[in-house]
Amino acid sequence: MREKFSCRECEKITQPPAPFHVTPRGFAGPNLLAMILFEKFAQHQPLNRQSERYAREGIDLSLSTLADQVGACTTALRPVHELIKAHVLAAERLHGDDTTVPILARGKTDTGTHLDLCQG
């Protein structure tokens, strides 16, 4: 909800611009979206565990809502990804990180590398 203001002298009506939303018609602000993405991709925290953690704090964020937000963010960040990819692939040599990380697989936990996660 945005207030409208009117000038008593000229009767001109003004209204501040709508706040910026990262995702169209989205409810989540940039800080929440950054936290969800950081937990998912940098901390390897699955969305179902994030949803459970938010529920313990009294915040109802279902798994499907979190997945929708991640999908919308990946679409919004695609141009930045393409620029970084072009910059990295322009290098003469690339270093690959083969540090292992646990990855949830169907019915079990698998082992992958950071490189696997970046390509998948």
C-alpha atoms as a PDB file:
ATOM      1  CA  MET A   1       0.000   0.000   0.000  1.00  0.00           C
ATOM      2  CA  ARG A   2       1.433   3.362  -1.058  1.00  0.00           C
ATOM      3  CA  GLU A   3       0.169   6.732   0.106  1.00  0.00           C
ATOM      4  CA  LYS A   4      -0.860   9.404  -2.364  1.00  0.00           C
ATOM      5  CA  PHE A   5      -0.029  13.018  -1.652  1.00  0.00           C
ATOM      6  CA  SER A   6      -1.725  16.070  -3.081  1.00  0.00           C
ATOM      7  CA  CYS A   7      -0.594  19.666  -3.210  1.00  0.00           C
ATOM      8  CA  ARG A   8      -3.181  22.107  -1.846  1.00  0.00           C
ATOM      9  CA  GLU A   9      -1.976  24.896  -4.116  1.00  0.00           C
ATOM     10  CA  CYS A  10      -1.777  23.168  -7.518  1.00  0.00           C
ATOM     11  CA  GLU A  11      -3.868  20.080  -6.657  1.00  0.00           C
ATOM     12  CA  LYS A  12      -1.231  17.830  -8.211  1.00  0.00           C
ATOM     13  CA  ILE A  13      -1.279  14.243  -6.896  1.00  0.00           C
ATOM     14  CA  THR A  14       1.984  12.382  -6.407  1.00  0.00           C
ATOM     15  CA  GLN A  15       2.740   8.855  -5.276  1.00  0.00           C
ATOM     16  CA  PRO A  16       6.118   7.314  -4.473  1.00  0.00           C
ATOM     17  CA  PRO A  17       7.249   4.572  -6.871  1.00  0.00           C
ATOM     18  CA  ALA A  18       6.445   0.977  -6.062  1.00  0.00           C
ATOM     19  CA  PRO A  19       9.196  -0.888  -4.203  1.00  0.00           C
ATOM     20  CA  PHE A  20      11.556  -3.015  -6.269  1.00  0.00           C
ATOM     21  CA  HIS A  21      10.789  -6.735  -6.314  1.00  0.00           C
ATOM     22  CA  VAL A  22      13.447  -9.184  -7.436  1.00  0.00           C
ATOM     23  CA  THR A  23      10.807 -11.546  -8.777  1.00  0.00           C
ATOM     24  CA  PRO A  24       7.672 -10.266 -10.539  1.00  0.00           C
ATOM     25  CA  ARG A  25       4.741 -10.061  -8.102  1.00  0.00           C
ATOM     26  CA  GLY A  26       7.036 -11.603  -5.499  1.00  0.00           C
ATOM     27  CA  PHE A  27       6.603 -11.205  -1.770  1.00  0.00           C
ATOM     28  CA  ALA A  28      10.182 -12.027  -0.761  1.00  0.00           C
ATOM     29  CA  GLY A  29      12.681  -9.227  -0.469  1.00  0.00           C
ATOM     30  CA  PRO A  30      16.251  -9.380  -1.730  1.00  0.00           C
ATOM     31  CA  ASN A  31      17.657 -10.217   1.713  1.00  0.00           C
ATOM     32  CA  LEU A  32      15.447 -13.282   2.177  1.00  0.00           C
ATOM     33  CA  LEU A  33      16.141 -14.464  -1.371  1.00  0.00           C
ATOM     34  CA  ALA A  34      19.888 -14.038  -0.889  1.00  0.00           C
ATOM     35  CA  MET A  35      19.709 -16.014   2.347  1.00  0.00           C
ATOM     36  CA  ILE A  36      17.742 -18.854   0.716  1.00  0.00           C
ATOM     37  CA  LEU A  37      20.185 -19.047  -2.211  1.00  0.00           C
ATOM     38  CA  PHE A  38      23.240 -18.829   0.050  1.00  0.00           C
ATOM     39  CA  GLU A  39      21.955 -21.614   2.284  1.00  0.00           C
ATOM     40  CA  LYS A  40      21.112 -23.792  -0.723  1.00  0.00           C
ATOM     41  CA  PHE A  41      24.199 -23.318  -2.889  1.00  0.00           C
ATOM     42  CA  ALA A  42      26.983 -22.222  -0.515  1.00  0.00           C
ATOM     43  CA  GLN A  43      25.999 -24.100   2.647  1.00  0.00           C
ATOM     44  CA  HIS A  44      24.480 -27.103   0.798  1.00  0.00           C
ATOM     45  CA  GLN A  45      21.321 -26.826   2.906  1.00  0.00           C
ATOM     46  CA  PRO A  46      18.419 -28.533   1.075  1.00  0.00           C
ATOM     47  CA  LEU A  47      15.219 -26.560   0.668  1.00  0.00           C
ATOM     48  CA  ASN A  48      13.212 -29.057   2.738  1.00  0.00           C
ATOM     49  CA  ARG A  49      15.493 -28.451   5.729  1.00  0.00           C
ATOM     50  CA  GLN A  50      15.269 -24.701   5.199  1.00  0.00           C
ATOM     51  CA  SER A  51      11.478 -24.993   5.173  1.00  0.00           C
ATOM     52  CA  GLU A  52      11.555 -26.965   8.427  1.00  0.00           C
ATOM     53  CA  ARG A  53      13.855 -24.403  10.047  1.00  0.00           C
ATOM     54  CA  TYR A  54      11.580 -21.512   9.047  1.00  0.00           C
ATOM     55  CA  ALA A  55       8.574 -23.461  10.396  1.00  0.00           C
ATOM     56  CA  ARG A  56      10.292 -23.827  13.786  1.00  0.00           C
ATOM     57  CA  GLU A  57      10.630 -20.038  13.807  1.00  0.00           C
ATOM     58  CA  GLY A  58       6.927 -19.626  13.034  1.00  0.00           C
ATOM     59  CA  ILE A  59       7.351 -18.733   9.343  1.00  0.00           C
ATOM     60  CA  ASP A  60       5.319 -20.762   6.852  1.00  0.00           C
ATOM     61  CA  LEU A  61       7.538 -21.199   3.771  1.00  0.00           C
ATOM     62  CA  SER A  62       6.676 -24.449   2.048  1.00  0.00           C
ATOM     63  CA  LEU A  63       9.146 -26.444   0.007  1.00  0.00           C
ATOM     64  CA  SER A  64       7.295 -25.591  -3.209  1.00  0.00           C
ATOM     65  CA  THR A  65       7.366 -21.862  -2.373  1.00  0.00           C
ATOM     66  CA  LEU A  66      11.110 -21.987  -1.732  1.00  0.00           C
ATOM     67  CA  ALA A  67      11.648 -23.924  -4.971  1.00  0.00           C
ATOM     68  CA  ASP A  68       9.580 -21.346  -6.897  1.00  0.00           C
ATOM     69  CA  GLN A  69      11.653 -18.530  -5.422  1.00  0.00           C
ATOM     70  CA  VAL A  70      14.939 -20.288  -6.302  1.00  0.00           C
ATOM     71  CA  GLY A  71      13.699 -20.815  -9.865  1.00  0.00           C
ATOM     72  CA  ALA A  72      12.654 -17.177 -10.208  1.00  0.00           C
ATOM     73  CA  CYS A  73      16.033 -16.033  -8.860  1.00  0.00           C
ATOM     74  CA  THR A  74      17.961 -18.216 -11.285  1.00  0.00           C
ATOM     75  CA  THR A  75      15.985 -16.646 -14.122  1.00  0.00           C
ATOM     76  CA  ALA A  76      16.613 -13.128 -12.777  1.00  0.00           C
ATOM     77  CA  LEU A  77      20.335 -13.835 -12.303  1.00  0.00           C
ATOM     78  CA  ARG A  78      20.861 -15.478 -15.725  1.00  0.00           C
ATOM     79  CA  PRO A  79      22.457 -12.337 -17.307  1.00  0.00           C
ATOM     80  CA  VAL A  80      24.956 -12.058 -14.441  1.00  0.00           C
ATOM     81  CA  HIS A  81      25.741 -15.774 -14.748  1.00  0.00           C
ATOM     82  CA  GLU A  82      26.413 -15.421 -18.470  1.00  0.00           C
ATOM     83  CA  LEU A  83      28.799 -12.488 -17.904  1.00  0.00           C
ATOM     84  CA  ILE A  84      30.734 -14.365 -15.211  1.00  0.00           C
ATOM     85  CA  LYS A  85      30.841 -17.499 -17.364  1.00  0.00           C
ATOM     86  CA  ALA A  86      32.232 -15.560 -20.348  1.00  0.00           C
ATOM     87  CA  HIS A  87      34.866 -13.933 -18.130  1.00  0.00           C
ATOM     88  CA  VAL A  88      35.941 -17.236 -16.542  1.00  0.00           C
ATOM     89  CA  LEU A  89      36.074 -19.161 -19.810  1.00  0.00           C
ATOM     90  CA  ALA A  90      38.182 -16.423 -21.399  1.00  0.00           C
ATOM     91  CA  ALA A  91      41.057 -17.372 -19.072  1.00  0.00           C
ATOM     92  CA  GLU A  92      44.017 -19.306 -20.356  1.00  0.00           C
ATOM     93  CA  ARG A  93      43.797 -21.849 -17.503  1.00  0.00           C
ATOM     94  CA  LEU A  94      41.063 -22.884 -15.099  1.00  0.00           C
ATOM     95  CA  HIS A  95      41.392 -24.325 -11.607  1.00  0.00           C
ATOM     96  CA  GLY A  96      38.869 -26.990 -10.600  1.00  0.00           C
ATOM     97  CA  ASP A  97      37.905 -27.562  -6.976  1.00  0.00           C
ATOM     98  CA  ASP A  98      37.582 -31.273  -6.223  1.00  0.00           C
ATOM     99  CA  THR A  99      36.530 -30.860  -2.587  1.00  0.00           C
ATOM    100  CA  THR A 100      33.832 -33.415  -1.821  1.00  0.00           C
ATOM    101  CA  VAL A 101      30.433 -32.390  -0.476  1.00  0.00           C
ATOM    102  CA  PRO A 102      27.386 -34.446   0.496  1.00  0.00           C
ATOM    103  CA  ILE A 103      24.565 -34.364  -2.070  1.00  0.00           C
ATOM    104  CA  LEU A 104      21.075 -35.657  -1.444  1.00  0.00           C
ATOM    105  CA  ALA A 105      20.223 -38.389  -3.899  1.00  0.00           C
ATOM    106  CA  ARG A 106      17.032 -40.390  -4.161  1.00  0.00           C
ATOM    107  CA  GLY A 107      16.782 -42.257  -0.854  1.00  0.00           C
ATOM    108  CA  LYS A 108      20.403 -41.699   0.194  1.00  0.00           C
ATOM    109  CA  THR A 109      23.255 -39.230   0.436  1.00  0.00           C
ATOM    110  CA  ASP A 110      25.798 -39.255  -2.377  1.00  0.00           C
ATOM    111  CA  THR A 111      29.198 -37.614  -2.596  1.00  0.00           C
ATOM    112  CA  GLY A 112      29.923 -34.979  -5.198  1.00  0.00           C
ATOM    113  CA  THR A 113      32.365 -32.150  -5.790  1.00  0.00           C
ATOM    114  CA  HIS A 114      31.908 -28.410  -6.010  1.00  0.00           C
ATOM    115  CA  LEU A 115      32.627 -28.751  -9.713  1.00  0.00           C
ATOM    116  CA  ASP A 116      29.751 -31.248 -10.082  1.00  0.00           C
ATOM    117  CA  LEU A 117      27.399 -28.806  -8.387  1.00  0.00           C
ATOM    118  CA  CYS A 118      28.423 -25.919 -10.633  1.00  0.00           C
ATOM    119  CA  GLN A 119      27.868 -27.953 -13.793  1.00  0.00           C
ATOM    120  CA  GLY A 120      24.610 -29.586 -12.666  1.00  0.00           C
END
